[in-house]
Protein backbone atom coordinates (compact mmCIF):
# COMPACT_ATOMS: atom_id res chain seq x y z
CA MET A 1 0.00 0.01 0.00
CA ARG A 2 1.23 3.51 -0.84
CA CYS A 3 -0.05 6.91 0.24
CA GLU A 4 1.19 10.16 -1.22
CA GLY A 5 0.30 13.72 -0.28
CA LEU A 6 -2.79 12.80 1.76
CA GLY A 7 -4.88 15.66 3.06
CA VAL A 8 -8.02 15.32 5.23
CA SER A 9 -10.03 17.95 7.02
CA PHE A 10 -13.38 18.06 8.81
CA ALA A 11 -15.96 20.80 9.22
CA SER A 12 -16.09 22.20 12.75
CA GLY A 13 -18.77 24.85 12.86
CA ALA A 14 -17.72 27.68 10.61
CA GLN A 15 -14.12 26.42 10.54
CA ARG A 16 -12.34 23.33 9.26
CA THR A 17 -10.05 21.12 11.32
CA HIS A 18 -7.13 19.79 9.28
CA ALA A 19 -6.40 16.25 10.40
CA LEU A 20 -3.74 15.20 7.86
CA HIS A 21 -1.54 17.29 5.57
CA GLU A 22 0.82 16.13 2.81
CA LEU A 23 1.20 12.71 4.47
CA THR A 24 3.26 10.25 2.46
CA PHE A 25 4.43 6.68 3.24
CA ALA A 26 4.31 3.14 1.93
CA THR A 27 3.99 -0.26 3.58
CA HIS A 28 6.33 -3.14 2.72
CA PRO A 29 4.82 -6.60 2.05
CA GLY A 30 4.62 -8.67 5.23
CA GLU A 31 5.93 -6.01 7.55
CA PHE A 32 4.68 -4.95 10.99
CA LEU A 33 4.48 -1.17 10.86
CA SER A 34 3.61 0.99 13.88
CA ILE A 35 2.48 4.60 13.80
CA VAL A 36 3.02 6.81 16.85
CA GLY A 37 2.28 10.46 17.42
CA PRO A 38 0.70 12.99 19.80
CA SER A 39 -2.96 12.67 20.70
CA GLY A 40 -5.19 14.19 18.05
CA CYS A 41 -2.58 14.08 15.30
CA GLY A 42 -4.77 12.09 12.91
CA LYS A 43 -3.60 8.51 13.50
CA THR A 44 -7.11 7.07 13.66
CA THR A 45 -8.17 9.18 10.67
CA LEU A 46 -5.24 7.75 8.71
CA LEU A 47 -6.29 4.16 9.46
CA ARG A 48 -9.83 4.93 8.30
CA VAL A 49 -8.45 6.38 5.10
CA LEU A 50 -6.38 3.22 4.54
CA ALA A 51 -9.51 1.08 5.23
CA GLY A 52 -11.49 3.07 2.66
CA PHE A 53 -13.96 4.54 5.18
CA ILE A 54 -12.79 8.12 4.58
CA GLN A 55 -11.91 9.59 1.20
CA PRO A 56 -8.99 12.08 1.34
CA GLU A 57 -9.55 15.53 -0.08
CA CYS A 58 -6.21 15.37 -1.82
CA GLY A 59 -3.47 12.87 -2.44
CA ILE A 60 -3.62 9.22 -3.48
CA VAL A 61 -3.99 5.84 -1.80
CA GLU A 62 -2.85 2.84 -3.82
CA ARG A 63 -4.12 -0.56 -2.68
CA PRO A 64 -3.41 -3.88 -4.39
CA GLU A 65 -6.49 -5.14 -6.20
CA GLY A 66 -8.62 -7.68 -4.33
CA ARG A 67 -6.68 -7.36 -1.09
CA ARG A 68 -8.80 -8.11 1.99
CA THR A 69 -8.39 -5.38 4.61
CA ILE A 70 -9.75 -5.39 8.17
CA LEU A 71 -9.73 -2.55 10.70
CA ILE A 72 -9.87 -3.26 14.45
CA ARG A 73 -11.24 -0.08 15.94
CA GLN A 74 -10.15 1.43 19.23
CA GLU A 75 -13.73 1.41 20.55
CA GLY A 76 -14.15 -2.26 19.75
CA SER A 77 -15.60 -4.30 16.92
CA VAL A 78 -17.89 -6.82 18.62
CA PHE A 79 -21.63 -7.14 18.22
CA PRO A 80 -23.60 -6.98 21.51
CA TRP A 81 -26.24 -9.51 20.30
CA LEU A 82 -23.66 -12.22 19.51
CA ASN A 83 -21.78 -14.31 22.05
CA VAL A 84 -18.01 -14.68 22.19
CA LEU A 85 -17.82 -17.63 19.82
CA GLU A 86 -20.28 -16.08 17.35
CA ASN A 87 -18.36 -12.77 17.39
CA ALA A 88 -15.03 -14.51 16.98
CA THR A 89 -16.26 -16.45 13.95
CA PHE A 90 -18.34 -13.69 12.36
CA GLY A 91 -15.79 -13.02 9.57
CA LEU A 92 -15.61 -16.72 8.75
CA GLU A 93 -19.40 -16.91 8.59
CA MET A 94 -19.46 -13.99 6.12
CA MET A 95 -16.91 -15.93 4.04
CA GLY A 96 -19.28 -18.91 3.85
CA VAL A 97 -17.38 -21.22 6.20
CA GLY A 98 -19.64 -23.84 7.83
CA ARG A 99 -20.50 -23.71 11.53
CA GLY A 100 -18.50 -26.79 12.53
CA GLU A 101 -15.39 -25.61 10.73
CA ARG A 102 -15.76 -22.08 12.13
CA GLU A 103 -15.81 -23.43 15.68
CA ARG A 104 -12.89 -25.78 15.03
CA ARG A 105 -10.75 -22.87 13.82
CA ALA A 106 -11.81 -20.53 16.61
CA ARG A 107 -11.24 -22.71 19.69
CA PRO A 108 -7.38 -22.66 19.58
CA TYR A 109 -7.50 -18.86 19.31
CA LEU A 110 -9.88 -18.56 22.26
CA GLU A 111 -7.56 -20.79 24.28
CA ARG A 112 -4.46 -18.80 23.39
CA PHE A 113 -6.07 -15.45 24.20
CA GLY A 114 -7.47 -16.57 27.56
CA LEU A 115 -11.13 -16.84 26.55
CA ALA A 116 -11.67 -20.60 26.76
CA GLY A 117 -14.78 -21.25 28.81
CA ARG A 118 -16.32 -17.89 27.90
CA GLU A 119 -17.62 -18.94 24.50
CA LYS A 120 -21.29 -18.46 25.38
CA ASP A 121 -20.84 -15.17 27.22
CA TYR A 122 -22.10 -11.93 25.63
CA PRO A 123 -20.12 -8.68 25.38
CA ALA A 124 -22.07 -7.15 28.28
CA GLN A 125 -20.56 -9.90 30.50
CA LEU A 126 -16.98 -9.15 29.42
CA SER A 127 -14.42 -6.58 30.44
CA VAL A 128 -13.22 -4.04 27.91
CA GLY A 129 -9.99 -5.97 27.53
CA MET A 130 -11.84 -9.24 26.85
CA LYS A 131 -13.96 -7.60 24.18
CA GLN A 132 -10.84 -6.25 22.48
CA ARG A 133 -9.31 -9.74 22.51
CA VAL A 134 -12.45 -11.08 20.84
CA ALA A 135 -12.09 -8.41 18.15
CA VAL A 136 -8.47 -9.37 17.56
CA ILE A 137 -9.42 -13.06 17.21
CA GLN A 138 -12.25 -12.16 14.81
CA ALA A 139 -9.80 -10.26 12.59
CA LEU A 140 -7.08 -12.94 12.69
CA LEU A 141 -9.51 -15.73 11.82
CA ALA A 142 -10.69 -13.78 8.76
CA ASP A 143 -7.05 -13.93 7.55
CA PRO A 144 -6.81 -10.48 5.92
CA GLU A 145 -3.87 -9.55 3.73
CA LEU A 146 -3.75 -6.13 5.48
CA LEU A 147 -4.68 -5.77 9.14
CA LEU A 148 -5.18 -2.27 10.54
CA MET A 149 -5.17 -2.00 14.35
CA ASP A 150 -6.23 1.14 16.24
CA GLU A 151 -4.80 0.56 19.75
CA PRO A 152 -6.71 -2.71 20.13
CA LEU A 153 -4.88 -3.69 23.33
CA ALA A 154 -5.27 -0.38 25.17
CA GLY A 155 -7.98 -1.77 27.45
CA LEU A 156 -5.80 -4.59 28.80
CA ASP A 157 -3.88 -4.53 32.06
CA SER A 158 -0.10 -4.46 31.61
CA GLN A 159 0.57 -8.14 32.34
CA THR A 160 -2.17 -9.38 30.01
CA ARG A 161 -1.19 -6.90 27.36
CA TRP A 162 2.37 -8.18 27.11
CA ALA A 163 1.13 -11.76 27.05
CA VAL A 164 -1.22 -10.95 24.14
CA HIS A 165 1.69 -9.24 22.36
CA GLY A 166 3.56 -12.53 22.44
CA GLU A 167 0.58 -14.50 21.12
CA LEU A 168 -0.05 -11.94 18.38
CA LEU A 169 3.57 -12.04 17.20
CA GLU A 170 3.66 -15.83 17.23
CA LEU A 171 0.49 -16.03 15.13
CA TRP A 172 1.80 -13.34 12.79
CA GLU A 173 4.90 -15.40 12.13
CA GLN A 174 2.94 -18.66 11.80
CA GLN A 175 0.51 -17.17 9.29
CA GLY A 176 3.17 -15.93 6.93
CA HIS A 177 3.76 -12.34 8.06
CA ARG A 178 0.65 -10.58 6.83
CA THR A 179 1.04 -6.79 6.62
CA ILE A 180 -0.03 -5.10 9.86
CA VAL A 181 -0.34 -1.38 10.55
CA LEU A 182 -0.73 -0.58 14.26
CA VAL A 183 -1.57 2.81 15.78
CA THR A 184 -0.31 3.18 19.34
CA HIS A 185 0.66 5.80 21.92
CA ASP A 186 3.08 3.33 23.54
CA VAL A 187 6.63 3.60 22.19
CA ASP A 188 7.65 0.38 23.98
CA GLU A 189 4.79 -1.46 22.33
CA ALA A 190 5.88 -0.16 18.93
CA LEU A 191 9.48 -1.30 19.52
CA LEU A 192 8.46 -4.75 20.75
CA LEU A 193 6.18 -5.48 17.84
CA SER A 194 7.41 -3.57 14.80
CA ASP A 195 9.79 -3.85 11.89
CA ARG A 196 9.45 -0.09 11.39
CA VAL A 197 7.98 2.88 13.27
CA LEU A 198 6.56 6.02 11.65
CA VAL A 199 6.27 9.17 13.77
CA LEU A 200 3.55 11.73 13.00
CA SER A 201 3.66 15.43 13.85
CA ARG A 202 1.06 17.34 15.81
CA GLN A 203 -2.16 18.13 13.96
CA PRO A 204 -2.32 18.26 11.03
CA GLY A 205 -0.48 14.94 10.95
CA ARG A 206 2.40 14.33 8.59
CA VAL A 207 5.34 11.94 8.79
CA VAL A 208 8.28 13.57 10.61
CA GLY A 209 10.34 10.48 11.37
CA GLU A 210 10.93 6.89 10.42
CA VAL A 211 12.82 4.37 12.56
CA GLU A 212 13.81 0.90 11.41
CA VAL A 213 13.61 -1.70 14.21
CA SER A 214 16.13 -4.34 13.21
CA LEU A 215 16.18 -6.10 16.60
CA PRO A 216 16.14 -9.91 16.43
CA ARG A 217 12.93 -11.81 17.08
CA PRO A 218 11.39 -13.11 19.25
CA ARG A 219 11.43 -10.07 21.54
CA GLY A 220 10.47 -9.85 25.18
CA MET A 221 10.16 -7.19 27.84
CA SER A 222 13.81 -7.61 28.82
CA ASP A 223 14.79 -6.51 25.30
CA LEU A 224 13.36 -3.07 26.03
CA LEU A 225 16.27 -2.45 28.40
CA THR A 226 19.12 -3.18 25.99
CA PRO A 227 21.32 -0.32 24.76
CA GLU A 228 20.18 -0.93 21.17
CA THR A 229 16.48 -0.64 22.07
CA LEU A 230 17.05 2.40 24.27
CA ALA A 231 18.86 4.10 21.39
CA LEU A 232 15.88 3.46 19.11
CA LYS A 233 13.50 4.76 21.78
CA ARG A 234 15.57 7.92 22.11
CA ARG A 235 15.30 8.47 18.35
CA ILE A 236 11.51 8.07 18.40
CA LEU A 237 11.12 10.41 21.36
CA THR A 238 13.31 12.98 19.63
CA HIS A 239 11.04 12.85 16.59
CA LEU A 240 8.09 13.28 18.95
CA GLY A 241 9.60 16.55 20.09
CA PHE A 242 10.91 15.73 23.58
CA ALA A 243 13.39 18.36 24.74
CA MET A 244 17.00 17.27 24.95
CA LYS A 245 16.95 18.00 28.70
CA GLU A 246 14.08 15.56 29.18
CA LEU A 247 15.91 12.91 27.11
CA ALA A 248 19.08 13.37 29.17
CA LEU A 249 17.09 12.68 32.35
CA ALA A 250 15.39 9.63 30.79
CA PHE A 251 18.59 8.22 29.29
CA PRO A 252 21.47 9.31 31.61
CA SER A 253 23.85 6.80 30.02
CA GLY A 254 23.56 8.51 26.66
CA ALA A 255 21.93 5.49 25.03
């Protein structure tokens, strides 16, 4: 996928709010790309443009023909009238997969993401984090070529979140490295998961930095403390506009 010169604005009373301006980047086949930036810089708007839900006012978006794209929204993507198993297999049902086969494919995912035994529960009976895990499973089972993720793990507690990271990466590798674009506020999350990190400016959003993450996989929390990872984190924070004094306090060793 390639974007060039994207511009998006929204009417706000008598004025217009410019969300994206002259935004250009491209994804690489099979890469895990993260996008970070200040709150309100247009990250979610960008994902919705990539998914085809918003048409940019200017610029181009090139998508390979026939490529299945799924967006996991920050606010959740589960249906309140369906139970966990039905939600998880909804994409498969839309693809014409039979009920028995849908359930067979879903059960290992429910087990891996800590939802075994909750198959008959409805979203109202689940925590926010559980609902987000169901949305992730639903997307993975549908096997899209391009998966867009808008902070889908933000509702999880820290321990569960890192565990889900591990499961997500393992499945990503097992399923042939589909292209994933993740929006996150968490620089550590971006470094743990990504091949590359794009940094957006304050609104209107545009790309102000790009950091290649060439750390070996698999990665764990301990890898976030290595000099190599701290150096990458410093670069990202610099692109985000942190003052050099703040960086010196955060990284006293000069990493």
